[in-house]
N, C-alpha and C. Protein backbone atom coordinates (compact mmCIF):
# COMPACT_ATOMS: atom_id res chain seq x y z
N MET A 1 40.74 62.89 162.63
CA MET A 1 41.98 62.41 163.19
C MET A 1 43.19 63.13 162.56
N ILE A 2 43.12 63.40 161.25
CA ILE A 2 44.21 64.10 160.57
C ILE A 2 44.37 65.51 161.13
N ILE A 3 43.25 66.15 161.41
CA ILE A 3 43.31 67.51 161.95
C ILE A 3 44.02 67.50 163.31
N PHE A 4 43.67 66.53 164.16
CA PHE A 4 44.32 66.41 165.46
C PHE A 4 45.82 66.17 165.30
N LEU A 5 46.21 65.28 164.41
CA LEU A 5 47.63 64.99 164.19
C LEU A 5 48.38 66.21 163.68
N LYS A 6 47.76 66.96 162.74
CA LYS A 6 48.40 68.18 162.24
C LYS A 6 48.63 69.17 163.37
N ARG A 7 47.63 69.35 164.20
CA ARG A 7 47.75 70.29 165.32
C ARG A 7 48.83 69.84 166.30
N LEU A 8 48.85 68.54 166.59
CA LEU A 8 49.83 68.00 167.53
C LEU A 8 51.25 68.18 167.00
N VAL A 9 51.48 67.77 165.76
CA VAL A 9 52.82 67.86 165.18
C VAL A 9 53.25 69.32 165.06
N LEU A 10 52.36 70.17 164.62
CA LEU A 10 52.71 71.59 164.48
C LEU A 10 53.00 72.23 165.84
N THR A 11 52.24 71.85 166.85
CA THR A 11 52.47 72.37 168.20
C THR A 11 53.84 71.96 168.72
N VAL A 12 54.17 70.69 168.59
CA VAL A 12 55.46 70.20 169.07
C VAL A 12 56.59 70.86 168.27
N TRP A 13 56.44 70.91 166.95
CA TRP A 13 57.49 71.45 166.08
C TRP A 13 57.75 72.93 166.36
N LEU A 14 56.71 73.74 166.25
CA LEU A 14 56.88 75.18 166.44
C LEU A 14 57.19 75.51 167.90
N GLY A 15 56.59 74.77 168.82
CA GLY A 15 56.89 74.98 170.23
C GLY A 15 58.35 74.74 170.54
N THR A 16 58.91 73.70 169.95
CA THR A 16 60.33 73.40 170.14
C THR A 16 61.19 74.53 169.57
N ILE A 17 60.89 74.95 168.37
CA ILE A 17 61.66 76.02 167.73
C ILE A 17 61.61 77.30 168.56
N TRP A 18 60.41 77.70 168.95
CA TRP A 18 60.25 78.97 169.65
C TRP A 18 60.77 78.91 171.08
N CYS A 19 60.50 77.83 171.80
CA CYS A 19 60.94 77.75 173.20
C CYS A 19 62.46 77.70 173.32
N VAL A 20 63.10 76.94 172.47
CA VAL A 20 64.56 76.86 172.54
C VAL A 20 65.19 78.18 172.10
N GLY A 21 64.75 78.70 170.95
CA GLY A 21 65.38 79.89 170.39
C GLY A 21 65.11 81.17 171.14
N TYR A 22 63.91 81.31 171.70
CA TYR A 22 63.54 82.60 172.26
C TYR A 22 63.29 82.57 173.77
N LEU A 23 63.42 81.39 174.37
CA LEU A 23 63.23 81.30 175.82
C LEU A 23 64.44 80.63 176.48
N ALA A 24 64.69 79.38 176.15
CA ALA A 24 65.73 78.62 176.84
C ALA A 24 67.14 79.17 176.59
N ALA A 25 67.50 79.37 175.34
CA ALA A 25 68.87 79.83 175.03
C ALA A 25 69.15 81.21 175.65
N PRO A 26 68.26 82.18 175.52
CA PRO A 26 68.55 83.48 176.17
C PRO A 26 68.65 83.36 177.70
N VAL A 27 67.82 82.51 178.31
CA VAL A 27 67.88 82.33 179.76
C VAL A 27 69.22 81.73 180.17
N LEU A 28 69.72 80.77 179.39
CA LEU A 28 71.02 80.18 179.69
C LEU A 28 72.12 81.24 179.70
N PHE A 29 72.16 82.04 178.64
CA PHE A 29 73.23 83.04 178.53
C PHE A 29 73.09 84.15 179.58
N GLU A 30 71.87 84.42 179.99
CA GLU A 30 71.66 85.46 181.00
C GLU A 30 72.01 84.98 182.40
N ASN A 31 71.84 83.69 182.67
CA ASN A 31 71.96 83.21 184.04
C ASN A 31 73.18 82.36 184.35
N LEU A 32 73.87 81.86 183.35
CA LEU A 32 75.07 81.09 183.61
C LEU A 32 76.29 81.99 183.56
N ASP A 33 77.20 81.79 184.48
CA ASP A 33 78.41 82.62 184.54
C ASP A 33 79.38 82.32 183.41
N ASP A 34 79.36 81.09 182.91
CA ASP A 34 80.31 80.67 181.89
C ASP A 34 79.62 80.64 180.53
N PRO A 35 79.93 81.58 179.63
CA PRO A 35 79.30 81.60 178.30
C PRO A 35 79.58 80.33 177.50
N ALA A 36 80.72 79.69 177.75
CA ALA A 36 81.03 78.45 177.02
C ALA A 36 80.06 77.34 177.41
N VAL A 37 79.73 77.25 178.70
CA VAL A 37 78.77 76.24 179.16
C VAL A 37 77.39 76.57 178.62
N ALA A 38 77.01 77.85 178.67
CA ALA A 38 75.71 78.26 178.12
C ALA A 38 75.63 77.92 176.64
N GLY A 39 76.70 78.20 175.90
CA GLY A 39 76.72 77.89 174.47
C GLY A 39 76.64 76.40 174.19
N MET A 40 77.34 75.60 175.01
CA MET A 40 77.30 74.16 174.83
C MET A 40 75.89 73.61 175.08
N LEU A 41 75.25 74.08 176.14
CA LEU A 41 73.90 73.63 176.45
C LEU A 41 72.90 74.11 175.39
N ALA A 42 73.03 75.37 174.98
CA ALA A 42 72.15 75.88 173.92
C ALA A 42 72.36 75.09 172.64
N GLY A 43 73.61 74.78 172.32
CA GLY A 43 73.90 73.99 171.13
C GLY A 43 73.22 72.62 171.16
N LYS A 44 73.22 71.99 172.34
CA LYS A 44 72.54 70.68 172.48
C LYS A 44 71.04 70.84 172.24
N MET A 45 70.47 71.92 172.75
CA MET A 45 69.03 72.14 172.55
C MET A 45 68.73 72.45 171.08
N PHE A 46 69.59 73.24 170.44
CA PHE A 46 69.37 73.52 169.02
C PHE A 46 69.53 72.25 168.17
N GLU A 47 70.37 71.34 168.64
CA GLU A 47 70.49 70.05 167.95
C GLU A 47 69.16 69.30 168.00
N ILE A 48 68.50 69.34 169.14
CA ILE A 48 67.19 68.70 169.27
C ILE A 48 66.20 69.37 168.32
N VAL A 49 66.25 70.69 168.22
CA VAL A 49 65.38 71.41 167.28
C VAL A 49 65.61 70.90 165.86
N GLY A 50 66.88 70.70 165.50
CA GLY A 50 67.20 70.19 164.17
C GLY A 50 66.59 68.81 163.91
N TRP A 51 66.72 67.92 164.88
CA TRP A 51 66.18 66.57 164.70
C TRP A 51 64.65 66.55 164.73
N VAL A 52 64.05 67.37 165.60
CA VAL A 52 62.58 67.46 165.62
C VAL A 52 62.08 67.96 164.27
N SER A 53 62.78 68.91 163.68
CA SER A 53 62.39 69.44 162.37
C SER A 53 62.49 68.39 161.28
N LEU A 54 63.52 67.55 161.35
CA LEU A 54 63.67 66.50 160.34
C LEU A 54 62.56 65.47 160.42
N VAL A 55 61.97 65.30 161.59
CA VAL A 55 60.87 64.35 161.75
C VAL A 55 59.53 65.04 161.48
N ALA A 56 59.33 66.20 162.09
CA ALA A 56 58.03 66.87 162.01
C ALA A 56 57.73 67.43 160.63
N GLY A 57 58.74 67.95 159.94
CA GLY A 57 58.50 68.55 158.62
C GLY A 57 57.88 67.58 157.62
N PRO A 58 58.49 66.42 157.42
CA PRO A 58 57.89 65.47 156.48
C PRO A 58 56.51 64.97 156.93
N ILE A 59 56.32 64.82 158.24
CA ILE A 59 55.00 64.40 158.72
C ILE A 59 53.97 65.48 158.39
N MET A 60 54.32 66.76 158.65
CA MET A 60 53.40 67.85 158.32
C MET A 60 53.12 67.91 156.83
N ALA A 61 54.15 67.70 156.03
CA ALA A 61 53.95 67.73 154.58
C ALA A 61 53.00 66.61 154.16
N GLY A 62 53.20 65.42 154.69
CA GLY A 62 52.32 64.30 154.36
C GLY A 62 50.89 64.54 154.79
N LEU A 63 50.71 65.07 155.99
CA LEU A 63 49.36 65.37 156.47
C LEU A 63 48.72 66.48 155.67
N THR A 64 49.50 67.45 155.26
CA THR A 64 48.98 68.55 154.44
C THR A 64 48.55 68.03 153.07
N LEU A 65 49.35 67.14 152.51
CA LEU A 65 48.99 66.57 151.21
C LEU A 65 47.73 65.72 151.29
N SER A 66 47.49 65.11 152.45
CA SER A 66 46.32 64.24 152.59
C SER A 66 45.04 65.02 152.87
N ALA A 67 45.15 66.28 153.23
CA ALA A 67 43.97 67.10 153.53
C ALA A 67 43.29 67.55 152.25
N SER A 68 41.98 67.68 152.34
CA SER A 68 41.24 68.16 151.19
C SER A 68 41.19 69.69 151.23
N VAL A 69 42.23 70.28 150.73
CA VAL A 69 42.37 71.74 150.72
C VAL A 69 42.54 72.18 149.27
N ARG A 70 42.10 73.40 149.01
CA ARG A 70 42.31 73.94 147.68
C ARG A 70 43.79 73.90 147.33
N SER A 71 44.10 73.71 146.09
CA SER A 71 45.46 73.51 145.62
C SER A 71 46.39 74.66 145.97
N ARG A 72 45.95 75.90 145.80
CA ARG A 72 46.81 77.06 146.05
C ARG A 72 47.18 77.15 147.53
N ARG A 73 46.20 76.97 148.38
CA ARG A 73 46.45 77.03 149.83
C ARG A 73 47.37 75.90 150.28
N ARG A 74 47.17 74.73 149.75
CA ARG A 74 48.02 73.59 150.07
C ARG A 74 49.45 73.87 149.62
N SER A 75 49.60 74.45 148.46
CA SER A 75 50.93 74.78 147.96
C SER A 75 51.64 75.78 148.87
N LEU A 76 50.91 76.78 149.34
CA LEU A 76 51.50 77.76 150.25
C LEU A 76 51.93 77.11 151.57
N LYS A 77 51.09 76.23 152.09
CA LYS A 77 51.44 75.54 153.33
C LYS A 77 52.66 74.65 153.13
N LEU A 78 52.71 73.95 152.01
CA LEU A 78 53.87 73.10 151.73
C LEU A 78 55.13 73.93 151.56
N LEU A 79 55.00 75.10 150.96
CA LEU A 79 56.14 76.00 150.81
C LEU A 79 56.63 76.49 152.18
N CYS A 80 55.71 76.81 153.07
CA CYS A 80 56.10 77.23 154.42
C CYS A 80 56.76 76.08 155.18
N ILE A 81 56.22 74.88 155.06
CA ILE A 81 56.81 73.71 155.71
C ILE A 81 58.24 73.50 155.21
N ALA A 82 58.40 73.54 153.90
CA ALA A 82 59.74 73.38 153.32
C ALA A 82 60.66 74.52 153.77
N GLY A 83 60.13 75.72 153.87
CA GLY A 83 60.93 76.86 154.31
C GLY A 83 61.42 76.70 155.74
N VAL A 84 60.52 76.28 156.64
CA VAL A 84 60.93 76.07 158.03
C VAL A 84 62.00 74.98 158.09
N MET A 85 61.75 73.88 157.39
CA MET A 85 62.74 72.79 157.39
C MET A 85 64.07 73.25 156.81
N GLY A 86 64.02 73.98 155.72
CA GLY A 86 65.24 74.45 155.07
C GLY A 86 66.02 75.39 155.98
N CYS A 87 65.33 76.30 156.64
CA CYS A 87 66.00 77.25 157.53
C CYS A 87 66.63 76.53 158.72
N ILE A 88 65.89 75.66 159.36
CA ILE A 88 66.42 74.96 160.53
C ILE A 88 67.57 74.05 160.12
N THR A 89 67.45 73.42 158.98
CA THR A 89 68.53 72.57 158.47
C THR A 89 69.78 73.40 158.20
N ALA A 90 69.59 74.56 157.59
CA ALA A 90 70.74 75.44 157.31
C ALA A 90 71.41 75.91 158.59
N VAL A 91 70.61 76.26 159.59
CA VAL A 91 71.18 76.72 160.86
C VAL A 91 71.96 75.59 161.52
N HIS A 92 71.35 74.42 161.58
CA HIS A 92 71.97 73.34 162.34
C HIS A 92 73.12 72.65 161.62
N TRP A 93 72.94 72.36 160.34
CA TRP A 93 73.95 71.55 159.66
C TRP A 93 74.89 72.35 158.76
N LEU A 94 74.65 73.65 158.59
CA LEU A 94 75.55 74.47 157.79
C LEU A 94 76.20 75.56 158.64
N LEU A 95 75.38 76.43 159.23
CA LEU A 95 75.92 77.57 159.97
C LEU A 95 76.55 77.16 161.31
N ARG A 96 75.93 76.24 162.00
CA ARG A 96 76.48 75.85 163.31
C ARG A 96 77.89 75.26 163.18
N PRO A 97 78.15 74.34 162.25
CA PRO A 97 79.53 73.86 162.12
C PRO A 97 80.50 74.99 161.73
N MET A 98 80.04 75.94 160.94
CA MET A 98 80.89 77.06 160.58
C MET A 98 81.17 77.94 161.80
N MET A 99 80.16 78.10 162.66
CA MET A 99 80.35 78.87 163.88
C MET A 99 81.34 78.16 164.80
N ASP A 100 81.21 76.84 164.92
CA ASP A 100 82.14 76.07 165.75
C ASP A 100 83.57 76.23 165.23
N ALA A 101 83.71 76.22 163.91
CA ALA A 101 85.05 76.36 163.31
C ALA A 101 85.61 77.77 163.49
N ALA A 102 84.73 78.74 163.70
CA ALA A 102 85.17 80.13 163.86
C ALA A 102 85.58 80.46 165.29
N ARG A 103 85.51 79.48 166.15
CA ARG A 103 85.96 79.70 167.53
C ARG A 103 87.48 79.63 167.60
N LEU A 104 88.03 80.40 168.51
CA LEU A 104 89.47 80.39 168.74
C LEU A 104 89.84 79.13 169.54
N PRO A 105 91.11 78.77 169.57
CA PRO A 105 91.53 77.56 170.30
C PRO A 105 91.08 77.53 171.76
N ASP A 106 90.94 78.70 172.40
CA ASP A 106 90.51 78.72 173.80
C ASP A 106 88.98 78.64 173.93
N GLY A 107 88.26 78.52 172.79
CA GLY A 107 86.80 78.39 172.80
C GLY A 107 86.06 79.70 172.70
N SER A 108 86.76 80.80 172.76
CA SER A 108 86.10 82.10 172.65
C SER A 108 85.74 82.37 171.18
N PRO A 109 84.78 83.27 170.96
CA PRO A 109 84.35 83.57 169.60
C PRO A 109 85.46 84.23 168.79
N GLY A 110 85.69 83.72 167.60
CA GLY A 110 86.65 84.32 166.69
C GLY A 110 86.04 85.46 165.90
N GLU A 111 86.80 86.00 164.99
CA GLU A 111 86.38 87.17 164.21
C GLU A 111 85.11 86.92 163.40
N ASP A 112 85.01 85.76 162.77
CA ASP A 112 83.85 85.46 161.93
C ASP A 112 82.66 84.92 162.71
N PHE A 113 82.87 84.57 163.98
CA PHE A 113 81.81 83.95 164.76
C PHE A 113 80.58 84.85 164.85
N LEU A 114 80.77 86.12 165.18
CA LEU A 114 79.63 87.02 165.36
C LEU A 114 78.84 87.21 164.07
N LEU A 115 79.53 87.28 162.95
CA LEU A 115 78.85 87.39 161.66
C LEU A 115 78.01 86.14 161.40
N LEU A 116 78.60 84.98 161.63
CA LEU A 116 77.87 83.72 161.43
C LEU A 116 76.72 83.58 162.42
N HIS A 117 76.95 84.01 163.65
CA HIS A 117 75.89 83.95 164.65
C HIS A 117 74.73 84.86 164.25
N GLY A 118 75.05 86.04 163.73
CA GLY A 118 74.01 86.95 163.25
C GLY A 118 73.23 86.36 162.09
N ALA A 119 73.94 85.74 161.15
CA ALA A 119 73.27 85.09 160.01
C ALA A 119 72.37 83.96 160.51
N SER A 120 72.87 83.20 161.47
CA SER A 120 72.10 82.11 162.05
C SER A 120 70.82 82.64 162.71
N ALA A 121 70.94 83.74 163.44
CA ALA A 121 69.78 84.33 164.11
C ALA A 121 68.74 84.81 163.10
N VAL A 122 69.18 85.38 162.00
CA VAL A 122 68.25 85.86 160.97
C VAL A 122 67.52 84.68 160.31
N VAL A 123 68.26 83.64 159.99
CA VAL A 123 67.65 82.45 159.37
C VAL A 123 66.69 81.78 160.34
N TYR A 124 67.06 81.73 161.62
CA TYR A 124 66.18 81.15 162.64
C TYR A 124 64.90 81.98 162.78
N LEU A 125 65.03 83.30 162.74
CA LEU A 125 63.86 84.16 162.79
C LEU A 125 62.95 83.92 161.58
N LEU A 126 63.55 83.76 160.41
CA LEU A 126 62.76 83.45 159.22
C LEU A 126 62.00 82.14 159.39
N ALA A 127 62.66 81.12 159.95
CA ALA A 127 61.97 79.84 160.21
C ALA A 127 60.81 80.07 161.17
N SER A 128 61.01 80.88 162.18
CA SER A 128 59.96 81.16 163.16
C SER A 128 58.77 81.86 162.52
N LEU A 129 59.04 82.81 161.64
CA LEU A 129 57.96 83.53 160.97
C LEU A 129 57.22 82.65 159.97
N LEU A 130 57.96 81.79 159.27
CA LEU A 130 57.30 80.84 158.37
C LEU A 130 56.43 79.87 159.16
N GLY A 131 56.89 79.50 160.35
CA GLY A 131 56.07 78.66 161.23
C GLY A 131 54.80 79.38 161.64
N LEU A 132 54.93 80.66 161.94
CA LEU A 132 53.74 81.46 162.28
C LEU A 132 52.77 81.49 161.10
N ALA A 133 53.31 81.58 159.89
CA ALA A 133 52.46 81.57 158.70
C ALA A 133 51.69 80.26 158.57
N LEU A 134 52.27 79.16 159.08
CA LEU A 134 51.55 77.89 159.04
C LEU A 134 50.32 77.91 159.94
N LEU A 135 50.34 78.75 160.94
CA LEU A 135 49.19 78.88 161.84
C LEU A 135 48.13 79.83 161.29
N TRP A 136 48.54 80.66 160.35
CA TRP A 136 47.65 81.70 159.83
C TRP A 136 46.83 81.18 158.68
N PRO A 137 45.54 81.39 158.54
CA PRO A 137 44.65 82.10 159.42
C PRO A 137 44.00 81.20 160.47
N GLY A 138 44.53 80.01 160.68
CA GLY A 138 44.04 79.16 161.76
C GLY A 138 42.78 78.38 161.41
N LYS A 139 42.63 77.99 160.16
CA LYS A 139 41.46 77.24 159.75
C LYS A 139 41.76 75.75 159.66
N VAL A 140 42.65 75.25 160.53
CA VAL A 140 43.01 73.83 160.49
C VAL A 140 41.77 72.98 160.69
N GLY A 141 40.85 73.40 161.53
CA GLY A 141 39.65 72.63 161.81
C GLY A 141 38.71 72.52 160.62
N ARG A 142 38.94 73.31 159.57
CA ARG A 142 38.06 73.26 158.39
C ARG A 142 38.80 72.73 157.18
N GLY A 143 39.72 71.79 157.43
CA GLY A 143 40.38 71.14 156.30
C GLY A 143 41.72 71.74 155.95
N GLY A 144 42.15 72.84 156.58
CA GLY A 144 43.40 73.52 156.26
C GLY A 144 44.57 72.85 156.85
């Protein structure tokens, strides 16, 4: 049952991160005529990613701690879980408010916005790669 729960939580968590960041948000910006509307909708979806991470991360950590895995491997998985949570938390609750503040009064991106957006994208990519590491080498069915 623990293995099923780990797979379910990890699927929802990583699926949310990857689908919003690399599918939904780019599609919004490519297909909507108003970048402000696309940004607002993407921001709402990234907010959901932030809240899903706050729920899924601790659940994954608890399930990982309850598994009978060698200590070193468990430590690496816990480090990746903490890394994903830390990155998503930094993007949502640190960089995003700074990006909002870097907008000009008319809502267009200010001078610092692009720099902050780039930093946000790099941190989000790091979260995505750490999530991929949680899937590697895929031995969840054998106690991992």
